[in-house]
């Protein structure tokens, strides 16, 4: 993500369902880049772990 972030969602939390793939995955990563804490739910652990790697780049813990 090379675009500068505004942190407009700092202090907020989002629950993203189906966040392992597609538009939901992109939304989870974009919201994390804007400072939002993310909870991602989905069917496949492997894809969720992959999304977690991207989200952790923005300083959010991955559990």
C-alpha atoms as a PDB file:
ATOM      1  CA  UNK A   1       0.000   0.000   0.000  1.00  0.00           C
ATOM      2  CA  UNK A   2       1.924   3.018  -1.198  1.00  0.00           C
ATOM      3  CA  UNK A   3      -0.808   5.595  -0.660  1.00  0.00           C
ATOM      4  CA  UNK A   4      -0.481   7.872   2.377  1.00  0.00           C
ATOM      5  CA  UNK A   5      -2.965   7.168   5.145  1.00  0.00           C
ATOM      6  CA  UNK A   6      -5.125   9.726   6.902  1.00  0.00           C
ATOM      7  CA  UNK A   7      -5.864   7.652  10.017  1.00  0.00           C
ATOM      8  CA  UNK A   8      -9.499   8.773   9.749  1.00  0.00           C
ATOM      9  CA  UNK A   9     -10.665   5.530  11.406  1.00  0.00           C
ATOM     10  CA  UNK A  10      -8.174   5.559  14.295  1.00  0.00           C
ATOM     11  CA  UNK A  11      -9.788   4.281  17.471  1.00  0.00           C
ATOM     12  CA  UNK A  12     -12.555   2.461  15.591  1.00  0.00           C
ATOM     13  CA  UNK A  13     -13.098  -1.286  15.199  1.00  0.00           C
ATOM     14  CA  UNK A  14     -14.548  -3.101  12.179  1.00  0.00           C
ATOM     15  CA  UNK A  15     -15.870  -6.657  11.910  1.00  0.00           C
ATOM     16  CA  UNK A  16     -15.294  -7.967   8.388  1.00  0.00           C
ATOM     17  CA  UNK A  17     -17.079 -11.200   7.471  1.00  0.00           C
ATOM     18  CA  UNK A  18     -15.779 -13.191   4.540  1.00  0.00           C
ATOM     19  CA  UNK A  19     -12.550 -11.240   4.940  1.00  0.00           C
ATOM     20  CA  UNK A  20     -10.228 -13.896   3.595  1.00  0.00           C
ATOM     21  CA  UNK A  21     -10.896 -13.130  -0.064  1.00  0.00           C
ATOM     22  CA  UNK A  22     -12.300 -10.632  -2.522  1.00  0.00           C
ATOM     23  CA  UNK A  23     -13.761  -7.255  -1.709  1.00  0.00           C
ATOM     24  CA  UNK A  24     -14.000  -8.009   2.015  1.00  0.00           C
ATOM     25  CA  UNK A  25     -10.269  -8.762   2.104  1.00  0.00           C
ATOM     26  CA  UNK A  26      -9.498  -5.474   0.358  1.00  0.00           C
ATOM     27  CA  UNK A  27     -11.809  -3.607   2.741  1.00  0.00           C
ATOM     28  CA  UNK A  28     -10.101  -5.136   5.787  1.00  0.00           C
ATOM     29  CA  UNK A  29      -6.666  -4.121   4.552  1.00  0.00           C
ATOM     30  CA  UNK A  30      -7.809  -0.624   3.536  1.00  0.00           C
ATOM     31  CA  UNK A  31      -9.500   0.008   6.876  1.00  0.00           C
ATOM     32  CA  UNK A  32      -6.419  -1.200   8.740  1.00  0.00           C
ATOM     33  CA  UNK A  33      -4.333   1.232   6.712  1.00  0.00           C
ATOM     34  CA  UNK A  34      -6.634   4.014   7.906  1.00  0.00           C
ATOM     35  CA  UNK A  35      -6.075   3.114  11.564  1.00  0.00           C
ATOM     36  CA  UNK A  36      -9.096   0.901  12.178  1.00  0.00           C
ATOM     37  CA  UNK A  37      -8.707  -2.196  14.357  1.00  0.00           C
ATOM     38  CA  UNK A  38      -9.973  -5.188  12.385  1.00  0.00           C
ATOM     39  CA  UNK A  39     -11.695  -8.438  13.292  1.00  0.00           C
ATOM     40  CA  UNK A  40     -11.815 -10.759  10.283  1.00  0.00           C
ATOM     41  CA  UNK A  41     -14.057 -13.811  10.027  1.00  0.00           C
ATOM     42  CA  UNK A  42     -14.148 -16.383   7.255  1.00  0.00           C
ATOM     43  CA  UNK A  43     -14.238 -20.059   6.376  1.00  0.00           C
ATOM     44  CA  UNK A  44     -10.582 -20.811   5.628  1.00  0.00           C
ATOM     45  CA  UNK A  45      -7.896 -20.311   8.269  1.00  0.00           C
ATOM     46  CA  UNK A  46      -5.111 -20.069   5.681  1.00  0.00           C
ATOM     47  CA  UNK A  47      -6.649 -17.079   3.877  1.00  0.00           C
ATOM     48  CA  UNK A  48      -7.432 -15.357   7.169  1.00  0.00           C
ATOM     49  CA  UNK A  49      -3.831 -15.798   8.304  1.00  0.00           C
ATOM     50  CA  UNK A  50      -2.677 -14.226   5.042  1.00  0.00           C
ATOM     51  CA  UNK A  51      -4.921 -11.199   5.598  1.00  0.00           C
ATOM     52  CA  UNK A  52      -3.595 -11.003   9.151  1.00  0.00           C
ATOM     53  CA  UNK A  53      -0.063 -10.572   7.799  1.00  0.00           C
ATOM     54  CA  UNK A  54      -1.140  -7.506   5.826  1.00  0.00           C
ATOM     55  CA  UNK A  55      -3.114  -6.059   8.712  1.00  0.00           C
ATOM     56  CA  UNK A  56      -0.194  -6.513  11.125  1.00  0.00           C
ATOM     57  CA  UNK A  57       1.921  -4.235   8.892  1.00  0.00           C
ATOM     58  CA  UNK A  58      -0.219  -1.361  10.139  1.00  0.00           C
ATOM     59  CA  UNK A  59       0.523  -2.069  13.795  1.00  0.00           C
ATOM     60  CA  UNK A  60      -2.585  -4.070  14.649  1.00  0.00           C
ATOM     61  CA  UNK A  61      -2.201  -7.274  16.652  1.00  0.00           C
ATOM     62  CA  UNK A  62      -3.154 -10.538  14.977  1.00  0.00           C
ATOM     63  CA  UNK A  63      -4.718 -13.219  17.164  1.00  0.00           C
END
